[in-house]
């Protein structure tokens, strides 16, 4: 892949980074990313991945734009109320970078379709807001060998975890079972500040770029916890569990050789 003059200009600020390179840019351009959820986290993740030059981005979301979304879901405007988020987001992001293939898929993610949704991806970024979806996406990524960046945000707090199946701890290793129903408030119940979602989404996008381009050190076997009240950050070490039903059966490259 040879970058055009326009691409050299578009990506010039990342191409000059010591950690980046033309090879990293090529790896990014060849990647296919599936983004689950086009809301508060998905909006900044999508914008940063498309801006950086990912090859293809498919955004999967079944919801429509609501008035209560607009204080934090920065891809949408008042004129978009009632329209499918996936379609609006795809249109906006395609305009940001015409060289990227952006697709919007209006579909609810569940156990019956999630494996097909992620199977052909280079990477999945889970920006969903339900534990059921998170566990389904994690298990499907383990089963198909697709890398994953997982995150959540509520109130002033957020967390991010990256995973390579067979190499690092998965979401289910860190949290073996979902919390009891009703024990964790939803965003509607507990609230969230818009900038907090932007911070966590930006970290998710950074993790995705690291994994796709093969640069720097992604959050493998570590969970980053961010507290926006005092900007405290905590790294929690996690490890693969031998009895994890999702990733324990996944063979490492060394085991497969």
Protein backbone atom coordinates (compact mmCIF):
# COMPACT_ATOMS: atom_id res chain seq x y z
CA UNK A 1 0.00 0.00 0.00
CA UNK A 2 1.36 3.39 -1.06
CA UNK A 3 -0.14 6.44 0.61
CA UNK A 4 -1.36 9.20 -1.65
CA UNK A 5 -0.39 12.81 -1.12
CA UNK A 6 -3.81 13.46 0.39
CA UNK A 7 -3.43 10.51 2.79
CA UNK A 8 0.04 11.62 3.80
CA UNK A 9 -1.41 15.00 4.69
CA UNK A 10 -4.51 13.57 6.39
CA UNK A 11 -2.51 11.22 8.62
CA UNK A 12 0.61 13.35 8.92
CA UNK A 13 0.29 14.02 12.65
CA UNK A 14 0.29 10.31 13.51
CA UNK A 15 2.80 9.30 10.84
CA UNK A 16 5.46 11.50 12.44
CA UNK A 17 5.11 9.75 15.79
CA UNK A 18 8.15 7.60 16.68
CA UNK A 19 5.83 4.72 17.62
CA UNK A 20 3.90 4.94 14.35
CA UNK A 21 5.05 4.20 10.80
CA UNK A 22 3.90 3.62 7.27
CA UNK A 23 3.65 -0.07 8.11
CA UNK A 24 1.40 0.71 11.09
CA UNK A 25 -0.78 2.85 8.84
CA UNK A 26 -1.03 0.01 6.32
CA UNK A 27 -2.05 -2.46 9.02
CA UNK A 28 -4.74 -0.05 10.14
CA UNK A 29 -5.98 0.43 6.57
CA UNK A 30 -6.30 -3.33 6.11
CA UNK A 31 -8.31 -3.81 9.31
CA UNK A 32 -12.02 -4.46 9.67
CA UNK A 33 -13.57 -3.30 12.93
CA UNK A 34 -17.00 -4.13 14.29
CA UNK A 35 -18.25 -1.56 16.78
CA UNK A 36 -21.09 -2.76 19.00
CA UNK A 37 -23.16 0.21 20.13
CA UNK A 38 -23.26 3.66 18.54
CA UNK A 39 -23.99 5.61 21.71
CA UNK A 40 -21.94 7.51 24.28
CA UNK A 41 -18.82 5.34 23.89
CA UNK A 42 -19.36 4.33 20.28
CA UNK A 43 -19.52 7.92 19.05
CA UNK A 44 -15.96 8.93 20.03
CA UNK A 45 -14.57 5.47 19.22
CA UNK A 46 -16.03 5.60 15.73
CA UNK A 47 -14.80 9.13 15.08
CA UNK A 48 -11.23 8.41 16.18
CA UNK A 49 -10.94 5.11 14.28
CA UNK A 50 -12.32 6.56 11.07
CA UNK A 51 -10.21 9.68 11.48
CA UNK A 52 -7.09 7.56 11.94
CA UNK A 53 -7.77 5.59 8.75
CA UNK A 54 -9.14 2.16 9.69
CA UNK A 55 -10.06 0.23 6.56
CA UNK A 56 -13.64 -0.69 7.36
CA UNK A 57 -15.91 0.11 10.29
CA UNK A 58 -19.27 -1.55 10.84
CA UNK A 59 -21.43 0.02 13.56
CA UNK A 60 -24.13 -2.23 15.01
CA UNK A 61 -26.96 -0.64 17.00
CA UNK A 62 -30.73 -1.20 17.08
CA UNK A 63 -31.67 2.04 18.87
CA UNK A 64 -32.86 5.43 17.63
CA UNK A 65 -31.66 8.87 18.66
CA UNK A 66 -33.47 10.24 21.71
CA UNK A 67 -33.36 13.71 23.22
CA UNK A 68 -31.70 12.39 26.40
CA UNK A 69 -28.80 11.08 24.29
CA UNK A 70 -27.63 14.42 22.99
CA UNK A 71 -25.67 15.66 26.01
CA UNK A 72 -23.10 12.88 25.51
CA UNK A 73 -23.56 11.17 22.12
CA UNK A 74 -21.66 13.66 20.02
CA UNK A 75 -22.38 12.26 16.55
CA UNK A 76 -26.04 13.30 16.72
CA UNK A 77 -28.07 16.50 16.63
CA UNK A 78 -31.62 17.52 17.47
CA UNK A 79 -32.58 17.01 13.83
CA UNK A 80 -31.70 13.31 14.15
CA UNK A 81 -34.32 12.52 16.81
CA UNK A 82 -36.11 9.27 16.00
CA UNK A 83 -33.60 8.16 13.37
CA UNK A 84 -31.58 4.91 13.72
CA UNK A 85 -28.26 5.64 15.39
CA UNK A 86 -26.33 3.19 13.22
CA UNK A 87 -27.47 4.86 10.02
CA UNK A 88 -26.88 8.43 11.20
CA UNK A 89 -23.46 7.55 12.64
CA UNK A 90 -22.39 5.80 9.43
CA UNK A 91 -23.35 8.83 7.34
CA UNK A 92 -21.49 11.27 9.61
CA UNK A 93 -18.35 9.14 9.83
CA UNK A 94 -18.24 8.45 6.09
CA UNK A 95 -18.19 12.21 5.56
CA UNK A 96 -15.29 12.53 8.01
CA UNK A 97 -13.06 10.22 5.97
CA UNK A 98 -14.30 9.09 2.53
CA UNK A 99 -11.43 6.60 2.17
CA UNK A 100 -12.87 4.48 5.00
CA UNK A 101 -15.73 2.08 4.32
CA UNK A 102 -18.33 2.80 7.01
CA UNK A 103 -21.45 0.69 7.36
CA UNK A 104 -24.37 1.00 9.74
CA UNK A 105 -26.26 -2.12 10.78
CA UNK A 106 -29.60 -1.62 12.56
CA UNK A 107 -29.73 -4.82 14.55
CA UNK A 108 -29.97 -5.94 18.16
CA UNK A 109 -27.00 -8.02 19.31
CA UNK A 110 -27.89 -11.30 21.01
CA UNK A 111 -26.49 -14.79 21.50
CA UNK A 112 -27.97 -16.10 18.24
CA UNK A 113 -26.35 -13.55 15.92
CA UNK A 114 -23.27 -12.25 17.74
CA UNK A 115 -20.87 -14.89 16.48
CA UNK A 116 -21.75 -14.12 12.85
CA UNK A 117 -21.44 -10.39 13.51
CA UNK A 118 -17.86 -10.61 14.80
CA UNK A 119 -16.46 -13.60 12.88
CA UNK A 120 -14.83 -11.65 10.02
CA UNK A 121 -13.55 -8.74 12.10
CA UNK A 122 -9.93 -7.89 12.83
CA UNK A 123 -11.11 -6.35 16.10
CA UNK A 124 -14.34 -5.78 18.00
CA UNK A 125 -14.93 -2.71 20.14
CA UNK A 126 -17.79 -3.28 22.55
CA UNK A 127 -19.53 -0.02 23.43
CA UNK A 128 -22.77 -1.62 24.56
CA UNK A 129 -24.52 -0.72 27.79
CA UNK A 130 -25.81 -4.09 28.99
CA UNK A 131 -24.05 -6.93 30.79
CA UNK A 132 -25.89 -9.50 28.69
CA UNK A 133 -24.40 -8.04 25.52
CA UNK A 134 -20.90 -7.71 27.02
CA UNK A 135 -20.74 -11.36 27.99
CA UNK A 136 -22.17 -12.48 24.65
CA UNK A 137 -19.66 -10.37 22.71
CA UNK A 138 -16.75 -11.53 24.87
CA UNK A 139 -17.67 -15.19 24.43
CA UNK A 140 -18.12 -14.80 20.67
CA UNK A 141 -14.73 -13.09 20.33
CA UNK A 142 -13.07 -15.89 22.29
CA UNK A 143 -14.80 -18.48 20.14
CA UNK A 144 -13.77 -16.83 16.86
CA UNK A 145 -10.31 -15.68 17.93
CA UNK A 146 -11.08 -11.98 17.41
CA UNK A 147 -9.42 -9.35 19.62
CA UNK A 148 -11.71 -7.21 21.76
CA UNK A 149 -11.69 -3.87 23.53
CA UNK A 150 -14.30 -3.74 26.28
CA UNK A 151 -15.40 -0.73 28.33
CA UNK A 152 -18.12 0.63 30.55
CA UNK A 153 -19.00 4.01 32.00
CA UNK A 154 -21.42 5.14 34.70
CA UNK A 155 -21.57 8.37 36.64
CA UNK A 156 -18.00 9.61 37.09
CA UNK A 157 -16.41 6.18 36.65
CA UNK A 158 -15.26 4.02 33.77
CA UNK A 159 -13.18 0.98 32.98
CA UNK A 160 -11.38 -0.38 29.91
CA UNK A 161 -9.98 -3.85 29.20
CA UNK A 162 -8.34 -5.24 26.05
CA UNK A 163 -8.18 -8.91 25.15
CA UNK A 164 -6.46 -11.21 22.65
CA UNK A 165 -8.12 -14.64 22.76
CA UNK A 166 -5.75 -17.35 23.94
CA UNK A 167 -3.12 -14.82 25.01
CA UNK A 168 -4.68 -12.64 27.71
CA UNK A 169 -7.49 -12.63 30.24
CA UNK A 170 -10.94 -12.09 28.79
CA UNK A 171 -13.83 -10.14 30.30
CA UNK A 172 -15.26 -13.32 31.80
CA UNK A 173 -11.90 -14.13 33.43
CA UNK A 174 -12.06 -10.79 35.22
CA UNK A 175 -15.80 -10.94 35.95
CA UNK A 176 -16.86 -14.61 35.87
CA UNK A 177 -20.59 -13.93 36.21
CA UNK A 178 -22.83 -10.93 35.60
CA UNK A 179 -23.91 -8.96 38.68
CA UNK A 180 -27.35 -9.81 40.09
CA UNK A 181 -30.19 -8.18 38.21
CA UNK A 182 -30.86 -4.71 39.58
CA UNK A 183 -27.65 -4.50 41.63
CA UNK A 184 -25.96 -2.10 39.20
CA UNK A 185 -27.92 0.96 38.09
CA UNK A 186 -28.39 1.61 34.40
CA UNK A 187 -27.27 4.85 32.79
CA UNK A 188 -30.90 6.01 32.95
CA UNK A 189 -30.95 5.33 36.70
CA UNK A 190 -27.41 6.26 37.73
CA UNK A 191 -26.62 8.96 35.19
CA UNK A 192 -23.40 9.85 33.42
CA UNK A 193 -21.60 13.07 32.52
CA UNK A 194 -20.92 13.51 28.82
CA UNK A 195 -17.17 14.20 29.16
CA UNK A 196 -16.76 11.02 31.19
CA UNK A 197 -18.11 8.97 28.30
CA UNK A 198 -15.78 10.89 25.99
CA UNK A 199 -12.75 10.08 28.14
CA UNK A 200 -13.52 6.38 28.31
CA UNK A 201 -14.42 6.20 24.62
CA UNK A 202 -11.16 7.92 23.68
CA UNK A 203 -9.21 5.36 25.73
CA UNK A 204 -11.11 2.57 23.98
CA UNK A 205 -10.19 4.03 20.61
CA UNK A 206 -6.54 4.32 21.66
CA UNK A 207 -6.54 0.66 22.71
CA UNK A 208 -8.09 -0.33 19.39
CA UNK A 209 -5.42 1.57 17.44
CA UNK A 210 -2.65 -0.09 19.47
CA UNK A 211 -3.99 -3.56 18.77
CA UNK A 212 -4.70 -2.94 15.09
CA UNK A 213 -1.46 -1.15 14.24
CA UNK A 214 0.77 -3.23 16.52
CA UNK A 215 2.18 -0.28 18.42
CA UNK A 216 2.75 0.55 22.10
CA UNK A 217 1.41 -1.59 24.95
CA UNK A 218 -2.30 -2.39 25.05
CA UNK A 219 -4.22 -3.10 28.24
CA UNK A 220 -3.80 -6.87 28.12
CA UNK A 221 -4.22 -8.65 31.47
CA UNK A 222 -4.98 -5.25 33.01
CA UNK A 223 -8.13 -3.28 33.71
CA UNK A 224 -7.86 0.49 33.72
CA UNK A 225 -10.30 2.10 36.15
CA UNK A 226 -10.83 5.86 35.84
CA UNK A 227 -12.54 8.06 38.43
CA UNK A 228 -13.47 11.43 36.99
CA UNK A 229 -14.13 12.96 40.43
CA UNK A 230 -10.43 13.33 41.18
CA UNK A 231 -8.99 11.94 37.90
CA UNK A 232 -7.66 8.95 39.78
CA UNK A 233 -6.55 5.98 37.71
CA UNK A 234 -6.05 2.42 38.91
CA UNK A 235 -4.57 -0.52 37.00
CA UNK A 236 -5.88 -3.87 38.19
CA UNK A 237 -3.94 -6.97 37.14
CA UNK A 238 -6.00 -9.90 35.89
CA UNK A 239 -4.98 -13.27 34.52
CA UNK A 240 -6.49 -16.04 32.42
CA UNK A 241 -8.51 -18.50 34.42
CA UNK A 242 -7.94 -22.17 33.67
CA UNK A 243 -11.64 -22.82 34.21
CA UNK A 244 -12.95 -19.89 32.16
CA UNK A 245 -15.69 -21.30 29.91
CA UNK A 246 -15.08 -18.58 27.31
CA UNK A 247 -11.32 -18.46 26.78
CA UNK A 248 -9.82 -21.53 28.48
CA UNK A 249 -10.54 -23.69 25.40
CA UNK A 250 -8.74 -21.18 23.12
CA UNK A 251 -5.32 -22.46 22.19
CA UNK A 252 -2.36 -20.08 22.16
CA UNK A 253 -0.14 -19.77 19.11
CA UNK A 254 2.57 -21.75 20.94
CA UNK A 255 0.11 -24.55 21.77
CA UNK A 256 -1.07 -24.74 18.17
CA UNK A 257 2.44 -24.98 16.74
